[in-house]
Protein backbone atom coordinates (compact mmCIF):
# COMPACT_ATOMS: atom_id res chain seq x y z
CA UNK A 1 11.28 -11.89 -14.84
CA UNK A 2 10.29 -13.07 -11.36
CA UNK A 3 7.16 -11.73 -9.74
CA UNK A 4 7.51 -8.40 -8.02
CA UNK A 5 8.06 -9.03 -4.29
CA UNK A 6 5.26 -6.83 -2.93
CA UNK A 7 2.62 -6.56 -5.65
CA UNK A 8 3.17 -10.21 -6.68
CA UNK A 9 2.69 -9.48 -10.38
CA UNK A 10 4.76 -9.89 -13.52
CA UNK A 11 4.72 -8.41 -17.04
CA UNK A 12 1.43 -9.06 -18.78
CA UNK A 13 -0.62 -9.22 -15.60
CA UNK A 14 -1.75 -5.58 -15.57
CA UNK A 15 -3.04 -2.88 -17.91
CA UNK A 16 -1.14 0.21 -19.01
CA UNK A 17 -3.24 2.70 -17.01
CA UNK A 18 -3.62 2.33 -13.24
CA UNK A 19 -5.71 4.18 -10.68
CA UNK A 20 -3.77 4.22 -7.42
CA UNK A 21 -5.80 5.01 -4.29
CA UNK A 22 -4.12 4.76 -0.92
CA UNK A 23 -6.81 2.70 0.82
CA UNK A 24 -7.08 -0.98 -0.19
CA UNK A 25 -10.79 -0.76 0.58
CA UNK A 26 -11.16 1.89 -2.09
CA UNK A 27 -10.00 -0.55 -4.77
CA UNK A 28 -13.31 -2.41 -4.58
CA UNK A 29 -15.24 0.88 -4.52
CA UNK A 30 -13.54 1.92 -7.76
CA UNK A 31 -14.08 -1.52 -9.31
CA UNK A 32 -17.79 -1.26 -8.50
CA UNK A 33 -18.02 1.62 -10.98
CA UNK A 34 -16.59 -0.52 -13.77
CA UNK A 35 -18.28 -2.89 -16.21
CA UNK A 36 -16.27 -5.88 -15.05
CA UNK A 37 -13.42 -6.56 -12.66
CA UNK A 38 -11.11 -9.33 -11.53
CA UNK A 39 -8.84 -9.41 -8.50
CA UNK A 40 -5.25 -10.07 -9.54
CA UNK A 41 -3.40 -10.14 -6.20
CA UNK A 42 -3.63 -8.93 -2.62
CA UNK A 43 -0.64 -8.65 -0.29
CA UNK A 44 -0.12 -6.37 2.71
CA UNK A 45 -1.45 -2.90 1.83
CA UNK A 46 -1.50 -3.70 -1.88
CA UNK A 47 -4.65 -4.92 -3.61
CA UNK A 48 -4.72 -5.10 -7.41
CA UNK A 49 -7.77 -5.45 -9.65
CA UNK A 50 -8.07 -5.40 -13.42
CA UNK A 51 -11.26 -3.80 -14.73
CA UNK A 52 -12.88 -2.14 -17.72
CA UNK A 53 -14.48 1.31 -17.68
CA UNK A 54 -16.28 2.67 -20.75
CA UNK A 55 -14.38 0.20 -22.88
CA UNK A 56 -10.98 1.14 -21.42
CA UNK A 57 -9.01 -1.66 -19.74
CA UNK A 58 -7.32 -0.42 -16.59
CA UNK A 59 -5.81 -1.57 -13.32
CA UNK A 60 -6.61 -0.44 -9.79
CA UNK A 61 -3.80 -0.74 -7.23
CA UNK A 62 -3.78 0.50 -3.65
CA UNK A 63 -0.56 2.08 -2.40
CA UNK A 64 -1.10 2.16 1.36
CA UNK A 65 -0.47 5.27 3.44
CA UNK A 66 2.49 7.51 2.74
CA UNK A 67 5.31 7.96 0.27
CA UNK A 68 7.43 4.91 1.22
CA UNK A 69 4.71 2.39 0.36
CA UNK A 70 3.59 4.46 -2.64
CA UNK A 71 7.14 4.40 -4.00
CA UNK A 72 7.23 0.61 -3.77
CA UNK A 73 4.00 0.45 -5.74
CA UNK A 74 5.30 2.81 -8.44
CA UNK A 75 8.59 0.91 -8.76
CA UNK A 76 6.85 -2.43 -9.18
CA UNK A 77 4.04 -1.17 -11.42
CA UNK A 78 6.65 0.40 -13.69
CA UNK A 79 8.64 -2.85 -13.75
CA UNK A 80 5.68 -4.80 -15.17
CA UNK A 81 4.70 -2.30 -17.85
CA UNK A 82 2.21 0.18 -16.33
CA UNK A 83 2.66 3.54 -18.07
CA UNK A 84 0.10 5.94 -16.53
CA UNK A 85 -0.76 6.42 -12.84
CA UNK A 86 -3.72 8.38 -11.47
CA UNK A 87 -3.97 8.94 -7.73
CA UNK A 88 -7.55 9.13 -6.43
CA UNK A 89 -7.44 10.12 -2.77
CA UNK A 90 -8.47 12.45 0.01
CA UNK A 91 -6.77 15.60 1.24
CA UNK A 92 -6.91 18.29 3.90
CA UNK A 93 -7.45 21.83 2.59
CA UNK A 94 -4.95 24.56 3.49
CA UNK A 95 -6.79 27.63 2.18
CA UNK A 96 -9.94 29.29 3.45
CA UNK A 97 -12.98 28.71 1.29
CA UNK A 98 -11.99 25.25 0.09
CA UNK A 99 -14.90 23.16 1.32
CA UNK A 100 -15.36 19.54 2.28
CA UNK A 101 -16.42 17.79 -0.90
CA UNK A 102 -14.46 20.06 -3.24
CA UNK A 103 -11.93 18.48 -5.61
CA UNK A 104 -8.24 19.35 -5.78
CA UNK A 105 -6.15 18.55 -8.85
CA UNK A 106 -2.46 18.88 -8.05
CA UNK A 107 -0.12 20.82 -10.33
CA UNK A 108 2.84 19.93 -8.13
CA UNK A 109 3.71 18.64 -4.67
CA UNK A 110 6.02 20.09 -2.02
CA UNK A 111 8.42 17.36 -0.90
CA UNK A 112 7.76 17.47 2.84
CA UNK A 113 8.47 13.74 3.02
CA UNK A 114 11.61 11.65 3.19
CA UNK A 115 11.24 9.16 0.35
CA UNK A 116 12.07 11.33 -2.67
CA UNK A 117 15.23 12.58 -0.98
CA UNK A 118 16.68 9.09 -1.48
CA UNK A 119 16.15 9.45 -5.23
CA UNK A 120 17.00 13.07 -6.01
CA UNK A 121 17.71 16.56 -4.72
CA UNK A 122 14.96 18.47 -2.94
CA UNK A 123 15.30 21.16 -5.62
CA UNK A 124 14.02 18.82 -8.35
CA UNK A 125 10.28 19.49 -8.70
CA UNK A 126 7.57 16.91 -8.10
CA UNK A 127 5.09 17.65 -10.88
CA UNK A 128 2.42 15.65 -12.72
CA UNK A 129 2.24 14.85 -16.41
CA UNK A 130 0.44 17.59 -18.32
CA UNK A 131 -1.86 15.22 -20.25
CA UNK A 132 -3.01 13.50 -17.07
CA UNK A 133 -3.43 16.82 -15.25
CA UNK A 134 -5.51 18.18 -18.13
CA UNK A 135 -7.66 15.05 -18.32
CA UNK A 136 -8.47 15.32 -14.60
CA UNK A 137 -9.34 19.02 -14.80
CA UNK A 138 -11.46 18.45 -17.91
CA UNK A 139 -13.33 15.58 -16.22
CA UNK A 140 -14.04 17.67 -13.13
CA UNK A 141 -15.21 20.70 -15.08
CA UNK A 142 -17.38 18.59 -17.38
CA UNK A 143 -19.07 17.17 -14.30
CA UNK A 144 -19.70 20.63 -12.83
CA UNK A 145 -17.41 20.05 -9.87
CA UNK A 146 -15.88 22.73 -7.66
CA UNK A 147 -12.30 21.93 -8.64
CA UNK A 148 -9.24 23.73 -7.29
CA UNK A 149 -6.12 23.42 -9.44
CA UNK A 150 -2.74 24.15 -7.90
CA UNK A 151 0.16 22.88 -5.78
CA UNK A 152 -0.22 20.67 -2.72
CA UNK A 153 2.06 19.49 0.09
CA UNK A 154 3.03 15.86 0.58
CA UNK A 155 3.80 15.14 4.23
CA UNK A 156 5.00 12.02 6.08
CA UNK A 157 3.83 12.84 9.59
CA UNK A 158 0.05 13.02 9.86
CA UNK A 159 0.10 13.63 13.63
CA UNK A 160 2.95 16.16 13.47
CA UNK A 161 1.22 18.68 11.21
CA UNK A 162 1.53 21.51 13.71
CA UNK A 163 -0.06 24.94 13.47
CA UNK A 164 3.32 26.26 12.30
CA UNK A 165 3.48 23.78 9.43
CA UNK A 166 -0.08 24.59 8.42
CA UNK A 167 0.60 28.34 8.53
CA UNK A 168 3.70 27.96 6.37
CA UNK A 169 1.86 25.85 3.80
CA UNK A 170 -1.04 28.31 3.74
CA UNK A 171 1.28 31.30 3.30
CA UNK A 172 3.02 29.51 0.42
CA UNK A 173 -0.32 29.21 -1.39
CA UNK A 174 -0.46 25.42 -1.22
CA UNK A 175 -4.03 24.21 -1.63
CA UNK A 176 -4.00 21.05 0.46
CA UNK A 177 -1.88 18.42 2.17
CA UNK A 178 -1.81 14.67 1.51
CA UNK A 179 0.75 11.88 1.80
CA UNK A 180 1.64 10.31 -1.56
CA UNK A 181 1.68 12.72 -4.53
CA UNK A 182 5.32 13.84 -4.32
CA UNK A 183 6.60 10.27 -4.49
CA UNK A 184 4.15 9.39 -7.25
CA UNK A 185 5.10 12.39 -9.41
CA UNK A 186 8.85 12.13 -8.81
CA UNK A 187 9.22 8.43 -9.48
CA UNK A 188 6.92 8.55 -12.48
CA UNK A 189 9.01 11.34 -14.01
CA UNK A 190 12.25 9.49 -13.38
CA UNK A 191 10.88 6.34 -15.03
CA UNK A 192 9.29 8.05 -18.03
CA UNK A 193 5.74 7.41 -16.85
CA UNK A 194 2.73 9.71 -16.76
CA UNK A 195 1.14 10.55 -13.41
CA UNK A 196 -1.50 12.83 -11.93
CA UNK A 197 -3.62 13.18 -8.81
CA UNK A 198 -7.15 14.20 -7.92
CA UNK A 199 -8.15 14.31 -4.27
CA UNK A 200 -11.40 15.18 -2.56
CA UNK A 201 -11.30 17.45 0.47
CA UNK A 202 -12.27 15.74 3.74
CA UNK A 203 -11.32 18.57 6.11
CA UNK A 204 -9.87 22.08 6.22
CA UNK A 205 -6.87 22.52 8.50
CA UNK A 206 -6.96 26.32 8.28
CA UNK A 207 -10.63 26.54 9.21
CA UNK A 208 -10.22 23.95 11.95
CA UNK A 209 -12.21 21.15 10.37
CA UNK A 210 -10.07 18.08 10.85
CA UNK A 211 -10.59 14.72 9.20
CA UNK A 212 -13.23 12.71 11.03
CA UNK A 213 -14.48 15.55 13.23
CA UNK A 214 -17.72 16.30 11.41
CA UNK A 215 -20.79 14.11 11.80
CA UNK A 216 -22.10 12.72 8.53
CA UNK A 217 -25.48 14.41 8.89
CA UNK A 218 -23.75 17.78 9.36
CA UNK A 219 -21.75 17.57 6.15
CA UNK A 220 -22.66 19.76 3.20
CA UNK A 221 -24.54 17.85 0.52
CA UNK A 222 -21.56 17.68 -1.87
CA UNK A 223 -19.42 16.10 0.86
CA UNK A 224 -21.68 13.10 1.40
CA UNK A 225 -20.65 11.32 -1.79
CA UNK A 226 -17.35 13.08 -2.39
CA UNK A 227 -15.19 9.95 -2.62
CA UNK A 228 -17.57 8.34 -5.11
CA UNK A 229 -17.48 11.48 -7.25
CA UNK A 230 -13.68 11.62 -7.13
CA UNK A 231 -13.62 7.99 -8.26
CA UNK A 232 -15.89 8.78 -11.21
CA UNK A 233 -13.63 11.68 -12.21
CA UNK A 234 -10.50 9.54 -12.00
CA UNK A 235 -12.12 6.85 -14.12
CA UNK A 236 -13.34 9.37 -16.68
CA UNK A 237 -9.83 10.79 -16.99
CA UNK A 238 -8.36 7.29 -17.34
CA UNK A 239 -10.84 6.43 -20.08
CA UNK A 240 -9.83 9.55 -22.03
CA UNK A 241 -6.08 8.86 -21.93
């Protein structure tokens, strides 16, 4: 088999479990928590590293922003033998009382994006694998985290999330909005893979706290290292699977 055209990998290059952050810069942050790591490839928004955490060999692969680039990553990871995918990302809360620094584990994702519509009907649910979902919740609870477990929205248009969209999502009981989970869950299901997602809250759209609006010294204590804590939880879940 030829190398995959975007990830530039082939069967045997990667491990069976992969953490999939959106940000390529977060790949190195995750690898820094591991015992050892080795960069495999880097191309466009995709950076891949093999590492070991608590004796568990795993891969870290960035997906870039949004469902289209995430879908490419899932397709190519699946093609070379990856079997389990764990998204570690950030999200905007959609319910009052969900604070910056809290963790959200998704039980499903509303398909407010265009990518999955090319694969299947909108009525087919985008849901995670139960074992991965449980591992993420268990890791968060064991670490004493404020974890919210429930459905999220996956949206394509970051700058078009109007007050009307936010109100509809809030009324539907969706916990948060992000940009990749629906594609990750849907494609993993279709390919017989396991997938899950844990995201840390970096703003609350209902309460008017947008991403990047709060000065670091004004953040609550749990928000100051929230990404690092989400990484630890994702790694702990991966090591248990």
